Every structure is written in C-alpha cells, then in structure tokens.
C-alpha cells in the first residue's frame, strides 16, 4: 500500500489573516465599542443654572428630553421665582439652591449657564472659573469693557470656556450669509445695516423679574441699545473676522411715556466705522413688530436676511432678488453647541459669534456706545 500523505491542518485566512487572528481582532473591536459607550463624550453634560430671572431660561428647561445636557442644580435666591419655575417645568425642588458657590462645590457641574442680569455675569465667572467649570452667559457678556476683560482673564487663567449665547448665532440665514460672503458673491463688505427690535419688553409680556433688570441701567447697562444693539455688534465683529471698529458713534432716545422705562433708552442707533466699511446698528423697543434682519452691501451686490431662515441676493444690474439655498447649520441651539464644546467635539474659533474674543470686542463697542450717547461725541477705540 502506498503511504498516505500527512494530514495538514487547514487554516482559514481572510486577506492574509488566520482565523485565530481575526477572532482576536474582533474581540478587541467589541471591547473598544463597549469602552466607547462609557466615554464621557457620550454622557450628558452636567450643567447648573445660575439664576432664573432671564426669561430665555425656558429654552433650556423645555428641552431636557433631548438628553445632551443634564440639569443638576439651580441657583436662585428668589424663592417665589424658583417656586414658579419648579411648578411650571415640573422640576425637582431639591435642584434649587440659594447660594452659588456652595452649590457648585456640592453638585460639581461641568458647566454653568447664567440666566440672570448682565451685571451678574462676573459673579458667575468668579465662582465657576477657579473650580474649572465652563460658563455660558446670555448676551452680551458685558456692557463694560473692563468687566469683560476681568472675566476673560479669569477664564483664561483657569482654562475654561467662556461662551456668550446670541439667538442669531443659530439662524440658518447667518450660516448662509457667511458662506455667500466667503464664496465672493458680493465682493468686499462696504456697509451693513442691522435691525433688531420689538415693541418693548413690557409690551410683549416678559416676566416681572426679567423686566425689572432690563430697565435698570446698573443691571443691563442701558435699554434697547444694550439689549438689541449687541446683536449687530456681535455679528459685525464676526463678519469683520474679529476686527474692532476704529470708532463708535451712538444716539439714544426715550420715546416711551411709560414710567417703567424712565431710566433707560428705548431707541438707539450705533454707527461703527472701519477702514473700508461701516455698520449701522438700529436697536429699538418701539417697533410695531419683532425683527432681527441684516442688509449687507458689498462691492458688487446686496445680501439680505429678512428672517432667520432666508437669505436673498441681488447683484449689480439685476432687477430682482434671488433666494439662496439654506445650508444645514452644524448647530441650531446653544445648548447642543455647549455640550459639543465641553466634550471636545468642537473647537471654538476666535471669530465665532459665541467666542470670548468676539464677546470682548462687543463689550468694547457697547462701552463706547454708552459713552458716545452720554457725551454726544464719537469715541475712537484703541487698536490692538
């Protein structure tokens, strides 16, 4: 009988890998997936709220089901205000604290969202920054340039993010405007007109605690000039890629007869001058409708955003506007943006409308506008 050939073990390979090696790789992959599911990037960001006296806090309280942020504490010393929000938003009363610093030490949030007066922002930053807690404030960061600089120094010293939320940052038309400019659709910017206003905070029915500080010059820095003028200051700084204006000129008026507005302006016009461009910021608590729109005049055409979802273009020589396509913004809400920043998924650009660098220039503009309106003179800004 002929001798049988030796039996050889059959090794299954896939693209050069034996089966035992493939199994090892598969186990490693499964382990990595399991580990990734527990990574901080996928956990809700633990946030605290500092004050409930800014009516926009409802935007955060009303989106808890999304799950990207988790409210772990609320600082609100006004018991009546706190009780109303607990009732209206079905909150756990145990979330509410009457002192800020002890609350932060107890609950150890990753970020604090300031929903108090503009003047209270510094208190929040002073409490949060040394504890390495990120901060997002409602617009503007400050109406005082020195106060803004002090907050920025704290944030940078302790390595935290200090962001400012503007409603207009999340408009699809704002994103579309930036892309159209980058594509050269109208050439260089020559003049931009910003119209931001409504018929008054009392008239639209803001909460009593909100109204009380909006019409307090120490808490809000002014009336419509700060409340609505900050939008144009922020977006013009973004459009100018972080460059400050050369000068600021402001005129304010008190047109309302209601004594609640007696200490602040309700109508304001601010003119920002740049080497080759001008911005006109129109801010009002007297208009018959709500509006936040932009008209941008370039060398070769005009871009307009009549609302947050529309951008139209008319080039030189054309007789009709063309509505441009709306890109999908990366973020449509400030809290999703904050969560992405805290988790390290997004890096905040210096010229971003929410950035600290932008906020510092806005504060300088508002500070100069207040001085200009008070003195009747143009204020020239130092150029860094």
Protein backbone atom coordinates (compact mmCIF):
# COMPACT_ATOMS: atom_id res chain seq x y z
CA UNK A 1 0.00 0.00 0.00
CA UNK A 2 1.13 3.41 -0.75
CA UNK A 3 1.83 5.65 2.20
CA UNK A 4 -0.82 8.29 2.92
CA UNK A 5 0.33 11.89 2.82
CA UNK A 6 0.48 13.61 6.20
CA UNK A 7 -2.71 15.34 7.32
CA UNK A 8 -2.31 19.09 7.26
CA UNK A 9 -4.27 21.44 9.49
CA UNK A 10 -6.45 23.72 7.46
CA UNK A 11 -6.03 27.38 8.37
CA UNK A 12 -8.74 29.75 7.21
CA UNK A 13 -7.42 33.12 6.22
CA UNK A 14 -9.03 36.41 5.29
CA UNK A 15 -6.87 38.92 3.47
CA UNK A 16 -3.76 37.24 4.85
CA UNK A 17 -5.02 36.87 8.45
CA UNK A 18 -5.50 33.41 10.05
CA UNK A 19 -8.85 32.83 11.73
CA UNK A 20 -7.46 32.98 15.28
CA UNK A 21 -6.02 36.41 14.49
CA UNK A 22 -9.36 37.59 13.13
CA UNK A 23 -11.08 36.41 16.30
CA UNK A 24 -8.62 38.37 18.41
CA UNK A 25 -9.21 41.49 16.37
CA UNK A 26 -12.96 41.02 16.67
CA UNK A 27 -12.72 40.72 20.45
CA UNK A 28 -10.59 43.88 20.58
CA UNK A 29 -13.16 45.72 18.47
CA UNK A 30 -16.01 44.60 20.72
CA UNK A 31 -14.09 45.73 23.78
CA UNK A 32 -13.38 49.12 22.22
CA UNK A 33 -17.06 49.56 21.37
CA UNK A 34 -18.01 48.69 24.93
CA UNK A 35 -15.44 51.15 26.27
CA UNK A 36 -16.58 53.89 23.88
CA UNK A 37 -20.16 53.53 25.09
CA UNK A 38 -18.99 54.63 28.53
CA UNK A 39 -16.81 57.50 27.40
CA UNK A 40 -17.62 60.97 28.78
CA UNK A 41 -18.29 62.20 25.24
CA UNK A 42 -21.50 60.18 25.21
CA UNK A 43 -22.73 61.17 28.66
CA UNK A 44 -24.96 64.22 29.15
CA UNK A 45 -23.02 67.29 30.21
CA UNK A 46 -23.83 68.11 33.82
CA UNK A 47 -24.91 71.74 33.95
CA UNK A 48 -26.01 74.15 36.63
CA UNK A 49 -28.20 77.20 36.13
CA UNK A 50 -27.24 80.49 37.78
CA UNK A 51 -30.46 82.49 38.31
CA UNK A 52 -33.86 82.16 36.69
CA UNK A 53 -34.53 85.87 36.15
CA UNK A 54 -33.81 85.84 32.41
CA UNK A 55 -36.88 84.61 30.56
CA UNK A 56 -34.80 82.73 27.99
CA UNK A 57 -34.06 80.08 30.61
CA UNK A 58 -37.27 78.44 29.44
CA UNK A 59 -35.47 77.40 26.28
CA UNK A 60 -33.14 75.21 28.35
CA UNK A 61 -35.77 73.90 30.75
CA UNK A 62 -38.07 72.99 27.88
CA UNK A 63 -35.56 70.78 26.05
CA UNK A 64 -34.48 68.39 28.82
CA UNK A 65 -35.78 65.37 26.93
CA UNK A 66 -33.05 65.78 24.28
CA UNK A 67 -30.56 64.39 26.78
CA UNK A 68 -27.31 66.09 25.74
CA UNK A 69 -27.26 68.17 28.94
CA UNK A 70 -28.48 67.29 32.42
CA UNK A 71 -29.55 70.00 34.85
CA UNK A 72 -28.05 69.06 38.21
CA UNK A 73 -28.56 72.29 40.14
CA UNK A 74 -30.21 75.71 40.05
CA UNK A 75 -29.03 78.77 41.95
CA UNK A 76 -31.97 81.09 42.60
CA UNK A 77 -32.25 83.03 45.86
CA UNK A 78 -35.68 84.45 44.96
CA UNK A 79 -37.95 81.77 46.37
CA UNK A 80 -41.06 82.97 44.57
CA UNK A 81 -39.33 82.87 41.18
CA UNK A 82 -37.84 79.46 41.91
CA UNK A 83 -41.19 78.05 43.03
CA UNK A 84 -42.89 79.22 39.85
CA UNK A 85 -40.31 77.54 37.62
CA UNK A 86 -40.41 74.36 39.70
CA UNK A 87 -44.17 74.26 39.21
CA UNK A 88 -44.29 75.25 35.55
CA UNK A 89 -41.49 72.93 34.39
CA UNK A 90 -42.12 70.07 36.84
CA UNK A 91 -38.67 70.35 38.39
CA UNK A 92 -37.42 68.57 41.48
CA UNK A 93 -37.41 71.24 44.24
CA UNK A 94 -34.18 69.69 45.56
CA UNK A 95 -32.39 71.10 42.50
CA UNK A 96 -32.79 74.67 43.81
CA UNK A 97 -30.10 76.29 45.97
CA UNK A 98 -29.91 79.78 47.44
CA UNK A 99 -26.12 80.20 47.29
CA UNK A 100 -23.99 79.82 44.18
CA UNK A 101 -20.53 78.77 45.37
CA UNK A 102 -21.72 76.11 47.85
CA UNK A 103 -23.99 74.68 45.15
CA UNK A 104 -21.07 74.35 42.75
CA UNK A 105 -18.98 72.60 45.40
CA UNK A 106 -21.81 70.23 46.20
CA UNK A 107 -23.01 69.19 42.74
CA UNK A 108 -19.75 69.67 40.78
CA UNK A 109 -21.24 70.56 37.37
CA UNK A 110 -19.20 70.65 34.20
CA UNK A 111 -20.73 73.94 33.04
CA UNK A 112 -22.81 76.80 34.39
CA UNK A 113 -25.39 78.68 32.36
CA UNK A 114 -26.01 82.24 33.54
CA UNK A 115 -29.62 83.37 33.28
CA UNK A 116 -29.51 86.50 35.40
CA UNK A 117 -28.82 90.15 34.64
CA UNK A 118 -25.85 91.18 32.52
CA UNK A 119 -24.22 92.74 35.59
CA UNK A 120 -24.34 89.37 37.39
CA UNK A 121 -22.19 87.60 34.80
CA UNK A 122 -18.96 88.46 36.57
CA UNK A 123 -20.18 86.87 39.82
CA UNK A 124 -20.87 83.64 37.96
CA UNK A 125 -17.46 83.61 36.27
CA UNK A 126 -15.69 84.40 39.54
CA UNK A 127 -17.39 81.42 41.18
CA UNK A 128 -17.03 78.98 38.29
CA UNK A 129 -13.60 79.67 36.79
CA UNK A 130 -11.43 78.74 39.83
CA UNK A 131 -13.43 75.50 40.05
CA UNK A 132 -12.62 74.72 36.40
CA UNK A 133 -16.30 74.93 35.43
CA UNK A 134 -17.15 76.20 31.94
CA UNK A 135 -19.58 79.11 31.60
CA UNK A 136 -22.14 80.19 29.02
CA UNK A 137 -23.90 83.54 29.53
CA UNK A 138 -26.84 85.10 27.75
CA UNK A 139 -25.90 88.02 25.53
CA UNK A 140 -23.95 90.21 25.96
CA UNK A 141 -21.04 89.13 28.12
CA UNK A 142 -20.87 92.68 29.48
CA UNK A 143 -21.64 96.29 28.62
CA UNK A 144 -18.44 97.36 30.41
CA UNK A 145 -15.10 96.71 28.71
CA UNK A 146 -13.15 96.46 31.97
CA UNK A 147 -15.63 93.95 33.42
CA UNK A 148 -15.41 91.84 30.27
CA UNK A 149 -11.61 91.91 30.38
CA UNK A 150 -11.62 90.80 34.03
CA UNK A 151 -13.88 87.84 33.21
CA UNK A 152 -11.73 86.90 30.23
CA UNK A 153 -8.60 86.96 32.38
CA UNK A 154 -10.23 84.59 34.87
CA UNK A 155 -11.42 82.23 32.16
CA UNK A 156 -8.01 82.08 30.50
CA UNK A 157 -6.12 81.71 33.77
CA UNK A 158 -8.18 78.68 34.77
CA UNK A 159 -8.52 77.20 31.30
CA UNK A 160 -12.30 77.28 30.97
CA UNK A 161 -14.57 78.10 28.07
CA UNK A 162 -16.50 81.36 28.49
CA UNK A 163 -19.18 81.49 25.80
CA UNK A 164 -21.90 84.02 25.02
CA UNK A 165 -25.22 82.92 23.58
CA UNK A 166 -26.89 85.05 20.91
CA UNK A 167 -30.14 83.86 19.36
CA UNK A 168 -28.89 84.98 15.96
CA UNK A 169 -25.88 82.63 16.16
CA UNK A 170 -28.18 79.70 15.41
CA UNK A 171 -30.09 81.19 12.48
CA UNK A 172 -29.60 79.21 9.25
CA UNK A 173 -29.55 82.56 7.41
CA UNK A 174 -26.49 83.61 9.43
CA UNK A 175 -24.61 80.50 8.30
CA UNK A 176 -25.75 81.05 4.71
CA UNK A 177 -24.63 84.69 4.82
CA UNK A 178 -21.14 83.70 5.90
CA UNK A 179 -20.85 81.11 3.13
CA UNK A 180 -22.10 83.50 0.47
CA UNK A 181 -19.52 86.09 1.50
CA UNK A 182 -16.75 83.50 1.54
CA UNK A 183 -17.76 82.50 -1.99
CA UNK A 184 -17.32 86.11 -3.14
CA UNK A 185 -20.99 86.59 -4.05
CA UNK A 186 -20.94 90.38 -3.43
CA UNK A 187 -17.26 91.20 -3.08
CA UNK A 188 -15.87 93.12 -0.11
CA UNK A 189 -18.17 94.46 2.60
CA UNK A 190 -18.92 98.17 2.33
CA UNK A 191 -21.90 98.74 4.63
CA UNK A 192 -24.06 96.53 6.85
CA UNK A 193 -27.36 97.59 8.40
CA UNK A 194 -28.66 95.56 11.36
CA UNK A 195 -32.24 96.00 12.55
CA UNK A 196 -33.01 94.36 15.88
CA UNK A 197 -36.03 95.18 17.99
CA UNK A 198 -39.65 94.76 19.02
CA UNK A 199 -42.31 96.86 20.70
CA UNK A 200 -40.87 96.70 24.20
CA UNK A 201 -40.24 94.11 26.93
CA UNK A 202 -43.24 95.18 29.00
CA UNK A 203 -45.47 95.22 25.92
CA UNK A 204 -44.51 91.71 24.85
CA UNK A 205 -45.15 90.44 28.38
CA UNK A 206 -41.78 89.38 29.77
CA UNK A 207 -41.75 88.07 33.33
CA UNK A 208 -41.75 90.73 36.10
CA UNK A 209 -38.31 89.71 37.39
CA UNK A 210 -36.94 89.90 33.83
CA UNK A 211 -38.42 93.34 33.20
CA UNK A 212 -37.10 94.70 36.50
CA UNK A 213 -33.46 94.32 35.49
CA UNK A 214 -33.92 95.06 31.78
CA UNK A 215 -34.97 98.60 32.70
CA UNK A 216 -32.27 99.03 35.36
CA UNK A 217 -29.20 100.80 33.92
CA UNK A 218 -26.94 99.25 36.56
CA UNK A 219 -28.10 95.72 35.76
CA UNK A 220 -28.47 96.00 31.97
CA UNK A 221 -26.24 98.94 31.12
CA UNK A 222 -29.00 100.64 29.14
CA UNK A 223 -32.20 99.77 27.38
CA UNK A 224 -32.61 98.87 23.74
CA UNK A 225 -29.04 99.96 22.98
CA UNK A 226 -27.59 97.08 25.00
CA UNK A 227 -30.46 94.61 24.73
CA UNK A 228 -30.66 94.75 20.93
CA UNK A 229 -27.60 96.72 19.84
CA UNK A 230 -25.40 93.85 20.98
CA UNK A 231 -26.72 91.62 18.16
CA UNK A 232 -25.35 93.83 15.42
CA UNK A 233 -22.12 94.40 17.32
CA UNK A 234 -21.62 90.65 17.62
CA UNK A 235 -22.44 89.82 14.00
CA UNK A 236 -20.43 92.71 12.57
CA UNK A 237 -17.41 91.57 14.57
CA UNK A 238 -17.93 88.08 13.13
CA UNK A 239 -18.27 89.47 9.59
CA UNK A 240 -15.09 91.51 10.07
CA UNK A 241 -13.27 88.37 11.26
CA UNK A 242 -12.63 89.67 14.75
CA UNK A 243 -11.52 93.19 13.88
CA UNK A 244 -12.70 96.00 16.13
CA UNK A 245 -14.08 99.21 14.62
CA UNK A 246 -11.99 102.37 14.52
CA UNK A 247 -14.73 104.45 16.11
CA UNK A 248 -18.20 104.22 17.64
CA UNK A 249 -20.94 106.87 17.49
CA UNK A 250 -24.28 106.40 19.23
CA UNK A 251 -27.53 108.31 19.57
CA UNK A 252 -30.24 107.21 22.00
CA UNK A 253 -33.79 108.39 22.69
CA UNK A 254 -36.55 107.89 25.24
CA UNK A 255 -39.79 107.82 23.29
CA UNK A 256 -41.96 105.75 25.62
CA UNK A 257 -44.16 107.58 28.10
CA UNK A 258 -44.49 104.63 30.46
CA UNK A 259 -42.51 105.46 33.64
CA UNK A 260 -41.13 101.91 33.78
CA UNK A 261 -38.72 102.94 31.01
CA UNK A 262 -37.72 106.27 32.59
CA UNK A 263 -34.11 105.31 33.38
CA UNK A 264 -33.09 103.70 30.08
CA UNK A 265 -33.17 104.37 26.35
CA UNK A 266 -35.79 102.67 24.21
CA UNK A 267 -34.41 103.72 20.81
CA UNK A 268 -30.77 103.61 19.71
CA UNK A 269 -28.63 103.96 16.60
CA UNK A 270 -24.97 102.98 16.71
CA UNK A 271 -22.53 103.61 13.85
CA UNK A 272 -19.33 101.58 13.64
CA UNK A 273 -16.56 102.81 11.36
CA UNK A 274 -13.91 100.52 9.83
CA UNK A 275 -11.13 101.39 7.37
CA UNK A 276 -13.25 100.35 4.37
CA UNK A 277 -16.68 99.60 5.80
CA UNK A 278 -19.46 100.96 8.01
CA UNK A 279 -22.06 99.27 10.19
CA UNK A 280 -25.33 100.81 11.32
CA UNK A 281 -26.93 99.11 14.32
CA UNK A 282 -30.59 100.01 14.77
CA UNK A 283 -31.97 98.87 18.13
CA UNK A 284 -35.50 99.53 19.31
CA UNK A 285 -38.15 98.84 21.89
CA UNK A 286 -40.62 100.88 19.81
CA UNK A 287 -41.17 98.98 16.58
CA UNK A 288 -44.56 97.54 15.60
CA UNK A 289 -43.11 94.08 15.00
CA UNK A 290 -40.30 91.76 16.02
CA UNK A 291 -37.32 91.80 13.70
CA UNK A 292 -33.72 90.70 13.52
CA UNK A 293 -32.61 91.31 9.95
CA UNK A 294 -29.48 92.25 8.05
CA UNK A 295 -28.75 94.13 4.82
CA UNK A 296 -25.18 93.75 3.66
CA UNK A 297 -23.96 95.97 0.83
CA UNK A 298 -20.89 94.64 -0.94
CA UNK A 299 -18.90 95.94 -3.89
CA UNK A 300 -20.97 94.02 -6.42
CA UNK A 301 -24.28 93.17 -4.75
CA UNK A 302 -26.54 93.10 -1.72
CA UNK A 303 -27.22 90.19 0.66
CA UNK A 304 -30.28 90.39 2.91
CA UNK A 305 -31.64 88.19 5.67
CA UNK A 306 -35.29 89.20 6.18
CA UNK A 307 -35.60 86.47 8.82
CA UNK A 308 -33.65 83.65 10.39
CA UNK A 309 -34.35 81.19 7.58
CA UNK A 310 -33.99 83.28 4.42
CA UNK A 311 -31.09 84.81 2.51
CA UNK A 312 -31.61 86.77 -0.70
CA UNK A 313 -29.07 88.13 -3.17
CA UNK A 314 -29.27 90.89 -5.72
CA UNK A 315 -26.17 91.59 -7.78
CA UNK A 316 -25.36 94.84 -9.51
CA UNK A 317 -27.51 95.25 -12.62
CA UNK A 318 -30.14 92.71 -11.55
CA UNK A 319 -33.75 93.80 -11.09
CA UNK A 320 -34.96 91.08 -8.74
CA UNK A 321 -33.78 89.27 -5.63
CA UNK A 322 -32.79 85.61 -5.73
CA UNK A 323 -33.39 83.41 -2.71
CA UNK A 324 -30.31 81.34 -1.95
CA UNK A 325 -30.27 77.79 -0.65
CA UNK A 326 -30.04 77.33 3.09
CA UNK A 327 -27.21 75.09 4.29
CA UNK A 328 -27.91 72.97 7.34
CA UNK A 329 -26.10 74.61 10.28
CA UNK A 330 -23.83 72.44 12.38
CA UNK A 331 -25.85 73.50 15.46
CA UNK A 332 -29.30 75.00 15.79
CA UNK A 333 -29.27 75.59 19.52
CA UNK A 334 -26.77 76.92 22.07
CA UNK A 335 -27.01 74.01 24.49
CA UNK A 336 -26.09 71.38 21.91
CA UNK A 337 -23.14 73.62 20.98
CA UNK A 338 -22.09 73.93 24.62
CA UNK A 339 -22.25 70.15 25.07
CA UNK A 340 -20.08 69.61 21.99
CA UNK A 341 -17.53 72.17 23.20
CA UNK A 342 -17.32 70.72 26.71
CA UNK A 343 -16.91 67.20 25.30
CA UNK A 344 -14.14 68.38 22.98
CA UNK A 345 -16.00 67.62 19.78
CA UNK A 346 -15.90 71.25 18.66
CA UNK A 347 -13.19 73.87 18.89
CA UNK A 348 -14.45 77.44 19.24
CA UNK A 349 -12.93 79.68 16.58
CA UNK A 350 -11.71 83.10 17.73
CA UNK A 351 -14.16 84.91 15.43
CA UNK A 352 -17.12 82.64 16.24
CA UNK A 353 -20.17 84.67 17.34
CA UNK A 354 -20.15 82.77 20.65
CA UNK A 355 -16.43 83.13 21.34
CA UNK A 356 -14.73 85.01 24.13
CA UNK A 357 -12.67 87.05 21.66
CA UNK A 358 -15.84 88.20 19.94
CA UNK A 359 -17.50 88.99 23.27
CA UNK A 360 -14.62 91.23 24.31
CA UNK A 361 -14.98 93.36 21.18
CA UNK A 362 -18.75 93.55 21.64
CA UNK A 363 -18.18 94.80 25.19
CA UNK A 364 -15.81 97.47 23.90
CA UNK A 365 -18.39 98.56 21.32
CA UNK A 366 -21.20 98.75 23.88
CA UNK A 367 -18.98 100.56 26.37
CA UNK A 368 -18.01 103.11 23.71
CA UNK A 369 -21.63 103.46 22.53
CA UNK A 370 -22.81 104.27 26.05
CA UNK A 371 -20.10 106.92 26.40
CA UNK A 372 -20.86 108.33 22.96
CA UNK A 373 -24.58 108.62 23.69
CA UNK A 374 -23.87 110.28 27.05
CA UNK A 375 -21.44 112.86 25.65
CA UNK A 376 -22.69 113.36 22.10
CA UNK A 377 -19.22 112.60 20.76
CA UNK A 378 -17.67 109.89 18.64
CA UNK A 379 -15.46 107.51 20.65
CA UNK A 380 -12.25 106.35 18.99
CA UNK A 381 -11.16 102.85 20.00
CA UNK A 382 -7.59 101.84 20.70
CA UNK A 383 -6.41 99.42 18.03
CA UNK A 384 -4.63 96.33 19.39
